[in-house]
Amino acid sequence: MVSGIVTLVLLVLFVGGWIHLWNPKLKPELEAAARLPFDEGEPLEGPEETQ
């Protein structure tokens, strides 16, 4: 019984998230996030290695 309820809750969360991501208002933000791996912007500053 409990496993069925958990499965149902997870299914509802999955479908709700899927519907949320298909919202046309989010398209520009999601497209910008999809391009992040290909951006050749400034590298992140971090601890510099000494040689």
C-alpha atoms as a PDB file:
ATOM      1  CA  MET A   1       0.000   0.000   0.000  1.00  0.00           C
ATOM      2  CA  VAL A   2       2.718   2.473   0.998  1.00  0.00           C
ATOM      3  CA  SER A   3       4.819   1.639  -2.052  1.00  0.00           C
ATOM      4  CA  GLY A   4       1.822   2.357  -4.288  1.00  0.00           C
ATOM      5  CA  ILE A   5       1.322   5.765  -2.684  1.00  0.00           C
ATOM      6  CA  VAL A   6       5.022   6.592  -3.051  1.00  0.00           C
ATOM      7  CA  THR A   7       4.934   5.522  -6.702  1.00  0.00           C
ATOM      8  CA  LEU A   8       1.875   7.683  -7.333  1.00  0.00           C
ATOM      9  CA  VAL A   9       3.465  10.724  -5.659  1.00  0.00           C
ATOM     10  CA  LEU A  10       6.669  10.303  -7.673  1.00  0.00           C
ATOM     11  CA  LEU A  11       4.692   9.905 -10.901  1.00  0.00           C
ATOM     12  CA  VAL A  12       2.703  13.079 -10.178  1.00  0.00           C
ATOM     13  CA  LEU A  13       5.923  14.983  -9.397  1.00  0.00           C
ATOM     14  CA  PHE A  14       7.549  13.740 -12.602  1.00  0.00           C
ATOM     15  CA  VAL A  15       4.577  14.679 -14.793  1.00  0.00           C
ATOM     16  CA  GLY A  16       4.235  18.037 -13.030  1.00  0.00           C
ATOM     17  CA  GLY A  17       7.912  18.820 -13.608  1.00  0.00           C
ATOM     18  CA  TRP A  18       7.635  17.768 -17.222  1.00  0.00           C
ATOM     19  CA  ILE A  19       4.624  20.042 -17.774  1.00  0.00           C
ATOM     20  CA  HIS A  20       6.416  22.899 -15.998  1.00  0.00           C
ATOM     21  CA  LEU A  21       9.462  22.598 -18.269  1.00  0.00           C
ATOM     22  CA  TRP A  22       7.302  22.719 -21.399  1.00  0.00           C
ATOM     23  CA  ASN A  23       6.004  26.154 -20.334  1.00  0.00           C
ATOM     24  CA  PRO A  24       6.631  28.560 -23.252  1.00  0.00           C
ATOM     25  CA  LYS A  25       7.571  31.336 -20.809  1.00  0.00           C
ATOM     26  CA  LEU A  26      10.680  29.358 -19.797  1.00  0.00           C
ATOM     27  CA  LYS A  27      11.950  28.788 -23.340  1.00  0.00           C
ATOM     28  CA  PRO A  28      14.518  31.650 -23.432  1.00  0.00           C
ATOM     29  CA  GLU A  29      15.941  30.710 -20.031  1.00  0.00           C
ATOM     30  CA  LEU A  30      16.174  27.012 -20.899  1.00  0.00           C
ATOM     31  CA  GLU A  31      17.798  27.754 -24.269  1.00  0.00           C
ATOM     32  CA  ALA A  32      20.390  29.940 -22.532  1.00  0.00           C
ATOM     33  CA  ALA A  33      21.096  27.144 -20.053  1.00  0.00           C
ATOM     34  CA  ALA A  34      21.455  24.654 -22.922  1.00  0.00           C
ATOM     35  CA  ARG A  35      24.126  26.856 -24.534  1.00  0.00           C
ATOM     36  CA  LEU A  36      26.236  27.147 -21.351  1.00  0.00           C
ATOM     37  CA  PRO A  37      28.561  24.205 -22.131  1.00  0.00           C
ATOM     38  CA  PHE A  38      29.453  25.784 -25.474  1.00  0.00           C
ATOM     39  CA  ASP A  39      30.165  29.313 -24.212  1.00  0.00           C
ATOM     40  CA  GLU A  40      33.799  30.308 -24.352  1.00  0.00           C
ATOM     41  CA  GLY A  41      33.509  32.971 -21.695  1.00  0.00           C
ATOM     42  CA  GLU A  42      35.998  33.865 -19.026  1.00  0.00           C
ATOM     43  CA  PRO A  43      37.326  30.879 -17.093  1.00  0.00           C
ATOM     44  CA  LEU A  44      36.302  30.662 -13.485  1.00  0.00           C
ATOM     45  CA  GLU A  45      38.835  31.989 -11.017  1.00  0.00           C
ATOM     46  CA  GLY A  46      40.221  29.395  -8.698  1.00  0.00           C
ATOM     47  CA  PRO A  47      43.329  28.630  -6.743  1.00  0.00           C
ATOM     48  CA  GLU A  48      46.350  28.975  -8.971  1.00  0.00           C
ATOM     49  CA  GLU A  49      48.816  26.140  -9.137  1.00  0.00           C
ATOM     50  CA  THR A  50      52.431  26.850  -8.286  1.00  0.00           C
ATOM     51  CA  GLN A  51      55.178  25.233 -10.292  1.00  0.00           C
END
